[in-house]
């Protein structure tokens, strides 16, 4: 098994690399630029969940051709940390000190699932990234577009003219790099906007 350990703390990083040597080969990585320079293709990336490091790693991964599974870890993580990491795209969250044999069993039993989940995580992260580029008003139009509303219905709901909504719609499709409203809605579902719409309703 091949691992890459992304952690800004040299002591913790060294300790984890040593522990992982029981079940495979590990590459220590201190920062995002180093991750980009020495891309660990076909490895499992372990990222310490701290100060946006996981988000930075996901942004880095989104630019690469090979998307690899990501496992977040921390000492005594709180539930908010775990939820944030899993929502962002981590496949699992590990507690330190690491039980390497348990990790080995998890990886071996779910190897195929991990690849599928990694592809899904990449699609979700890419969708979230593209949608985050919308302005607040474009996001409002986009969310109503996802419900299947026509431009006229959206115009009535937001107190805009249908022509203005058409302009917003064209801008949204261009920013999301999709051809039509169906593809835009699919992107919204990949990003998790469907659950937000259900909650709002």
C-alpha atoms as a PDB file:
ATOM      1  CA  UNK A   1       0.000   0.000   0.000  1.00  0.00           C
ATOM      2  CA  UNK A   2       1.155   3.508  -0.771  1.00  0.00           C
ATOM      3  CA  UNK A   3       0.321   6.518   1.412  1.00  0.00           C
ATOM      4  CA  UNK A   4       1.078  10.221   1.367  1.00  0.00           C
ATOM      5  CA  UNK A   5       0.893  12.111   4.667  1.00  0.00           C
ATOM      6  CA  UNK A   6       0.161  15.845   4.403  1.00  0.00           C
ATOM      7  CA  UNK A   7       0.815  17.539   7.732  1.00  0.00           C
ATOM      8  CA  UNK A   8       2.507  20.851   8.600  1.00  0.00           C
ATOM      9  CA  UNK A   9       3.758  19.483  11.957  1.00  0.00           C
ATOM     10  CA  UNK A  10       7.040  17.630  11.397  1.00  0.00           C
ATOM     11  CA  UNK A  11       6.799  15.528  14.575  1.00  0.00           C
ATOM     12  CA  UNK A  12       3.268  14.335  13.936  1.00  0.00           C
ATOM     13  CA  UNK A  13       4.030  13.733  10.249  1.00  0.00           C
ATOM     14  CA  UNK A  14       7.145  11.682  11.034  1.00  0.00           C
ATOM     15  CA  UNK A  15       5.317   9.651  13.668  1.00  0.00           C
ATOM     16  CA  UNK A  16       2.447   8.842  11.299  1.00  0.00           C
ATOM     17  CA  UNK A  17       4.798   7.879   8.454  1.00  0.00           C
ATOM     18  CA  UNK A  18       6.611   5.529  10.868  1.00  0.00           C
ATOM     19  CA  UNK A  19       3.317   3.933  11.981  1.00  0.00           C
ATOM     20  CA  UNK A  20       2.144   3.473   8.389  1.00  0.00           C
ATOM     21  CA  UNK A  21       5.409   1.719   7.463  1.00  0.00           C
ATOM     22  CA  UNK A  22       3.930  -1.388   9.148  1.00  0.00           C
ATOM     23  CA  UNK A  23       1.435  -1.767   6.308  1.00  0.00           C
ATOM     24  CA  UNK A  24       3.006   0.048   3.361  1.00  0.00           C
ATOM     25  CA  UNK A  25       5.191   2.779   1.962  1.00  0.00           C
ATOM     26  CA  UNK A  26       4.601   6.417   3.003  1.00  0.00           C
ATOM     27  CA  UNK A  27       5.636   9.769   1.556  1.00  0.00           C
ATOM     28  CA  UNK A  28       5.840  12.664   4.041  1.00  0.00           C
ATOM     29  CA  UNK A  29       4.526  15.979   2.650  1.00  0.00           C
ATOM     30  CA  UNK A  30       4.850  19.256   4.547  1.00  0.00           C
ATOM     31  CA  UNK A  31       2.793  21.672   2.428  1.00  0.00           C
ATOM     32  CA  UNK A  32       0.533  22.082  -0.606  1.00  0.00           C
ATOM     33  CA  UNK A  33       3.305  23.216  -3.018  1.00  0.00           C
ATOM     34  CA  UNK A  34       5.233  20.054  -2.096  1.00  0.00           C
ATOM     35  CA  UNK A  35       2.101  17.970  -2.746  1.00  0.00           C
ATOM     36  CA  UNK A  36       1.792  19.542  -6.200  1.00  0.00           C
ATOM     37  CA  UNK A  37       5.492  18.966  -7.005  1.00  0.00           C
ATOM     38  CA  UNK A  38       5.557  15.340  -5.847  1.00  0.00           C
ATOM     39  CA  UNK A  39       2.089  14.169  -6.827  1.00  0.00           C
ATOM     40  CA  UNK A  40       1.481  10.788  -5.109  1.00  0.00           C
ATOM     41  CA  UNK A  41      -0.403   9.019  -7.914  1.00  0.00           C
ATOM     42  CA  UNK A  42      -2.204   5.819  -6.859  1.00  0.00           C
ATOM     43  CA  UNK A  43      -1.613   6.595  -3.176  1.00  0.00           C
ATOM     44  CA  UNK A  44      -4.042   7.185  -0.325  1.00  0.00           C
ATOM     45  CA  UNK A  45      -3.656  10.741   0.963  1.00  0.00           C
ATOM     46  CA  UNK A  46      -3.912  11.336   4.706  1.00  0.00           C
ATOM     47  CA  UNK A  47      -4.433  15.004   5.590  1.00  0.00           C
ATOM     48  CA  UNK A  48      -4.318  16.553   9.043  1.00  0.00           C
ATOM     49  CA  UNK A  49      -7.569  18.496   9.463  1.00  0.00           C
ATOM     50  CA  UNK A  50      -6.338  21.918  10.505  1.00  0.00           C
ATOM     51  CA  UNK A  51      -6.736  25.525   9.373  1.00  0.00           C
ATOM     52  CA  UNK A  52      -8.053  24.820   5.895  1.00  0.00           C
ATOM     53  CA  UNK A  53      -5.338  22.307   4.947  1.00  0.00           C
ATOM     54  CA  UNK A  54      -7.939  19.744   3.819  1.00  0.00           C
ATOM     55  CA  UNK A  55      -9.716  22.321   1.628  1.00  0.00           C
ATOM     56  CA  UNK A  56      -6.365  23.366   0.124  1.00  0.00           C
ATOM     57  CA  UNK A  57      -5.561  19.714  -0.588  1.00  0.00           C
ATOM     58  CA  UNK A  58      -8.938  19.221  -2.275  1.00  0.00           C
ATOM     59  CA  UNK A  59      -8.362  22.308  -4.439  1.00  0.00           C
ATOM     60  CA  UNK A  60      -4.973  20.913  -5.407  1.00  0.00           C
ATOM     61  CA  UNK A  61      -6.462  17.510  -6.205  1.00  0.00           C
ATOM     62  CA  UNK A  62      -9.154  19.059  -8.391  1.00  0.00           C
ATOM     63  CA  UNK A  63      -6.419  20.295 -10.742  1.00  0.00           C
ATOM     64  CA  UNK A  64      -4.822  16.849 -11.098  1.00  0.00           C
ATOM     65  CA  UNK A  65      -5.768  14.171 -13.609  1.00  0.00           C
ATOM     66  CA  UNK A  66      -5.715  11.395 -10.985  1.00  0.00           C
ATOM     67  CA  UNK A  67      -8.087  11.814  -8.051  1.00  0.00           C
ATOM     68  CA  UNK A  68      -6.890   9.811  -5.071  1.00  0.00           C
ATOM     69  CA  UNK A  69      -8.765   8.812  -1.893  1.00  0.00           C
ATOM     70  CA  UNK A  70      -8.412  11.265   0.997  1.00  0.00           C
ATOM     71  CA  UNK A  71      -8.582  10.382   4.675  1.00  0.00           C
ATOM     72  CA  UNK A  72      -8.634  13.223   7.213  1.00  0.00           C
ATOM     73  CA  UNK A  73      -7.220  12.814  10.714  1.00  0.00           C
ATOM     74  CA  UNK A  74      -6.773  14.717  13.967  1.00  0.00           C
ATOM     75  CA  UNK A  75      -6.157  14.201  17.659  1.00  0.00           C
ATOM     76  CA  UNK A  76      -9.427  14.059  19.607  1.00  0.00           C
ATOM     77  CA  UNK A  77     -11.554  15.492  16.766  1.00  0.00           C
ATOM     78  CA  UNK A  78     -14.894  17.111  17.580  1.00  0.00           C
ATOM     79  CA  UNK A  79     -18.024  16.119  15.659  1.00  0.00           C
ATOM     80  CA  UNK A  80     -18.003  19.448  13.792  1.00  0.00           C
ATOM     81  CA  UNK A  81     -14.510  18.691  12.441  1.00  0.00           C
ATOM     82  CA  UNK A  82     -15.573  15.257  11.270  1.00  0.00           C
ATOM     83  CA  UNK A  83     -18.741  16.499   9.540  1.00  0.00           C
ATOM     84  CA  UNK A  84     -16.836  19.356   7.891  1.00  0.00           C
ATOM     85  CA  UNK A  85     -14.161  16.995   6.563  1.00  0.00           C
ATOM     86  CA  UNK A  86     -16.602  14.378   5.259  1.00  0.00           C
ATOM     87  CA  UNK A  87     -18.795  17.052   3.657  1.00  0.00           C
ATOM     88  CA  UNK A  88     -15.753  18.556   1.956  1.00  0.00           C
ATOM     89  CA  UNK A  89     -14.842  15.236   0.332  1.00  0.00           C
ATOM     90  CA  UNK A  90     -12.792  13.124   2.750  1.00  0.00           C
ATOM     91  CA  UNK A  91     -13.737   9.427   2.599  1.00  0.00           C
ATOM     92  CA  UNK A  92     -13.191   8.852   6.293  1.00  0.00           C
ATOM     93  CA  UNK A  93     -11.930  10.509   9.463  1.00  0.00           C
ATOM     94  CA  UNK A  94      -9.235   8.879  11.583  1.00  0.00           C
ATOM     95  CA  UNK A  95      -8.372   9.496  15.236  1.00  0.00           C
ATOM     96  CA  UNK A  96      -4.790   9.715  16.452  1.00  0.00           C
ATOM     97  CA  UNK A  97      -3.014   7.670  17.629  1.00  0.00           C
ATOM     98  CA  UNK A  98      -3.696   5.625  14.519  1.00  0.00           C
ATOM     99  CA  UNK A  99      -4.627   1.956  14.650  1.00  0.00           C
ATOM    100  CA  UNK A 100      -2.803   0.895  11.480  1.00  0.00           C
ATOM    101  CA  UNK A 101      -4.142  -2.675  11.419  1.00  0.00           C
ATOM    102  CA  UNK A 102      -7.715  -1.416  11.586  1.00  0.00           C
ATOM    103  CA  UNK A 103      -6.923   1.048   8.795  1.00  0.00           C
ATOM    104  CA  UNK A 104      -5.444  -1.776   6.698  1.00  0.00           C
ATOM    105  CA  UNK A 105      -8.621  -3.843   7.117  1.00  0.00           C
ATOM    106  CA  UNK A 106     -10.814  -0.878   6.159  1.00  0.00           C
ATOM    107  CA  UNK A 107      -8.767  -0.222   3.020  1.00  0.00           C
ATOM    108  CA  UNK A 108      -8.633  -3.861   1.914  1.00  0.00           C
ATOM    109  CA  UNK A 109     -12.346  -4.461   2.520  1.00  0.00           C
ATOM    110  CA  UNK A 110     -13.423  -1.304   0.721  1.00  0.00           C
ATOM    111  CA  UNK A 111     -10.858  -0.850  -2.032  1.00  0.00           C
ATOM    112  CA  UNK A 112     -13.345  -0.736  -4.930  1.00  0.00           C
ATOM    113  CA  UNK A 113     -15.778   1.399  -2.957  1.00  0.00           C
ATOM    114  CA  UNK A 114     -12.970   3.832  -2.155  1.00  0.00           C
ATOM    115  CA  UNK A 115     -12.250   4.345  -5.856  1.00  0.00           C
ATOM    116  CA  UNK A 116     -15.935   4.985  -6.582  1.00  0.00           C
ATOM    117  CA  UNK A 117     -16.247   7.304  -3.592  1.00  0.00           C
ATOM    118  CA  UNK A 118     -13.126   9.170  -4.665  1.00  0.00           C
ATOM    119  CA  UNK A 119     -14.604   9.779  -8.130  1.00  0.00           C
ATOM    120  CA  UNK A 120     -17.852  10.978  -6.538  1.00  0.00           C
ATOM    121  CA  UNK A 121     -15.932  13.247  -4.161  1.00  0.00           C
ATOM    122  CA  UNK A 122     -14.082  14.780  -7.102  1.00  0.00           C
ATOM    123  CA  UNK A 123     -17.350  15.419  -8.979  1.00  0.00           C
ATOM    124  CA  UNK A 124     -18.905  16.971  -5.870  1.00  0.00           C
ATOM    125  CA  UNK A 125     -15.917  19.201  -5.162  1.00  0.00           C
ATOM    126  CA  UNK A 126     -15.770  20.357  -8.791  1.00  0.00           C
ATOM    127  CA  UNK A 127     -19.511  21.134  -8.738  1.00  0.00           C
ATOM    128  CA  UNK A 128     -19.217  23.098  -5.486  1.00  0.00           C
ATOM    129  CA  UNK A 129     -16.235  25.033  -6.871  1.00  0.00           C
ATOM    130  CA  UNK A 130     -18.103  26.045 -10.028  1.00  0.00           C
ATOM    131  CA  UNK A 131     -21.294  27.006  -8.168  1.00  0.00           C
ATOM    132  CA  UNK A 132     -19.296  29.096  -5.666  1.00  0.00           C
ATOM    133  CA  UNK A 133     -18.394  31.437  -8.549  1.00  0.00           C
ATOM    134  CA  UNK A 134     -22.031  32.534  -8.923  1.00  0.00           C
ATOM    135  CA  UNK A 135     -23.099  35.887  -7.493  1.00  0.00           C
ATOM    136  CA  UNK A 136     -25.756  35.838  -4.717  1.00  0.00           C
ATOM    137  CA  UNK A 137     -28.494  36.807  -7.229  1.00  0.00           C
ATOM    138  CA  UNK A 138     -27.310  34.212  -9.765  1.00  0.00           C
ATOM    139  CA  UNK A 139     -27.395  31.618  -6.989  1.00  0.00           C
ATOM    140  CA  UNK A 140     -31.031  32.524  -6.232  1.00  0.00           C
ATOM    141  CA  UNK A 141     -31.942  32.097  -9.905  1.00  0.00           C
ATOM    142  CA  UNK A 142     -29.928  28.875 -10.097  1.00  0.00           C
ATOM    143  CA  UNK A 143     -31.714  27.337  -7.090  1.00  0.00           C
ATOM    144  CA  UNK A 144     -35.130  28.129  -8.599  1.00  0.00           C
ATOM    145  CA  UNK A 145     -33.935  26.802 -11.949  1.00  0.00           C
ATOM    146  CA  UNK A 146     -33.121  23.518 -10.190  1.00  0.00           C
ATOM    147  CA  UNK A 147     -36.758  23.193  -9.081  1.00  0.00           C
ATOM    148  CA  UNK A 148     -37.847  23.175 -12.734  1.00  0.00           C
ATOM    149  CA  UNK A 149     -39.278  26.701 -12.800  1.00  0.00           C
ATOM    150  CA  UNK A 150     -39.462  28.525 -16.131  1.00  0.00           C
ATOM    151  CA  UNK A 151     -37.860  31.941 -16.619  1.00  0.00           C
ATOM    152  CA  UNK A 152     -41.281  33.588 -16.281  1.00  0.00           C
ATOM    153  CA  UNK A 153     -41.968  31.768 -13.018  1.00  0.00           C
ATOM    154  CA  UNK A 154     -38.535  32.695 -11.664  1.00  0.00           C
ATOM    155  CA  UNK A 155     -39.125  36.320 -12.698  1.00  0.00           C
ATOM    156  CA  UNK A 156     -42.431  36.388 -10.769  1.00  0.00           C
ATOM    157  CA  UNK A 157     -40.884  34.720  -7.713  1.00  0.00           C
ATOM    158  CA  UNK A 158     -37.969  37.174  -7.550  1.00  0.00           C
ATOM    159  CA  UNK A 159     -39.783  40.302  -8.779  1.00  0.00           C
ATOM    160  CA  UNK A 160     -37.634  40.573 -11.907  1.00  0.00           C
ATOM    161  CA  UNK A 161     -38.429  40.864 -15.597  1.00  0.00           C
ATOM    162  CA  UNK A 162     -38.284  37.646 -17.658  1.00  0.00           C
ATOM    163  CA  UNK A 163     -35.570  39.275 -19.816  1.00  0.00           C
ATOM    164  CA  UNK A 164     -33.408  39.905 -16.717  1.00  0.00           C
ATOM    165  CA  UNK A 165     -33.851  36.273 -15.669  1.00  0.00           C
ATOM    166  CA  UNK A 166     -32.793  35.152 -19.165  1.00  0.00           C
ATOM    167  CA  UNK A 167     -29.600  37.225 -18.798  1.00  0.00           C
ATOM    168  CA  UNK A 168     -28.932  35.662 -15.377  1.00  0.00           C
ATOM    169  CA  UNK A 169     -29.650  32.209 -16.821  1.00  0.00           C
ATOM    170  CA  UNK A 170     -27.159  32.714 -19.672  1.00  0.00           C
ATOM    171  CA  UNK A 171     -24.501  33.924 -17.220  1.00  0.00           C
ATOM    172  CA  UNK A 172     -25.141  30.941 -14.937  1.00  0.00           C
ATOM    173  CA  UNK A 173     -24.774  28.411 -17.759  1.00  0.00           C
ATOM    174  CA  UNK A 174     -21.557  30.113 -18.907  1.00  0.00           C
ATOM    175  CA  UNK A 175     -20.030  30.189 -15.402  1.00  0.00           C
ATOM    176  CA  UNK A 176     -20.977  26.580 -14.722  1.00  0.00           C
ATOM    177  CA  UNK A 177     -19.697  25.590 -18.178  1.00  0.00           C
ATOM    178  CA  UNK A 178     -22.860  23.636 -19.016  1.00  0.00           C
ATOM    179  CA  UNK A 179     -25.058  23.723 -22.117  1.00  0.00           C
ATOM    180  CA  UNK A 180     -28.535  23.773 -20.635  1.00  0.00           C
ATOM    181  CA  UNK A 181     -30.671  23.937 -17.484  1.00  0.00           C
ATOM    182  CA  UNK A 182     -30.763  20.133 -17.159  1.00  0.00           C
ATOM    183  CA  UNK A 183     -26.953  19.948 -16.993  1.00  0.00           C
ATOM    184  CA  UNK A 184     -26.946  22.868 -14.528  1.00  0.00           C
ATOM    185  CA  UNK A 185     -29.463  21.046 -12.322  1.00  0.00           C
ATOM    186  CA  UNK A 186     -27.353  17.860 -12.461  1.00  0.00           C
ATOM    187  CA  UNK A 187     -24.358  19.899 -11.283  1.00  0.00           C
ATOM    188  CA  UNK A 188     -26.478  21.306  -8.451  1.00  0.00           C
ATOM    189  CA  UNK A 189     -27.467  17.801  -7.346  1.00  0.00           C
ATOM    190  CA  UNK A 190     -23.807  16.700  -7.414  1.00  0.00           C
ATOM    191  CA  UNK A 191     -22.949  19.665  -5.173  1.00  0.00           C
ATOM    192  CA  UNK A 192     -25.674  18.727  -2.694  1.00  0.00           C
ATOM    193  CA  UNK A 193     -28.083  21.568  -3.434  1.00  0.00           C
ATOM    194  CA  UNK A 194     -31.032  19.165  -3.674  1.00  0.00           C
ATOM    195  CA  UNK A 195     -31.059  18.645   0.110  1.00  0.00           C
ATOM    196  CA  UNK A 196     -30.898  22.407   0.677  1.00  0.00           C
ATOM    197  CA  UNK A 197     -33.905  22.937  -1.582  1.00  0.00           C
ATOM    198  CA  UNK A 198     -35.861  20.235   0.271  1.00  0.00           C
ATOM    199  CA  UNK A 199     -34.990  21.829   3.605  1.00  0.00           C
ATOM    200  CA  UNK A 200     -36.018  25.267   2.351  1.00  0.00           C
ATOM    201  CA  UNK A 201     -39.358  23.914   1.120  1.00  0.00           C
END
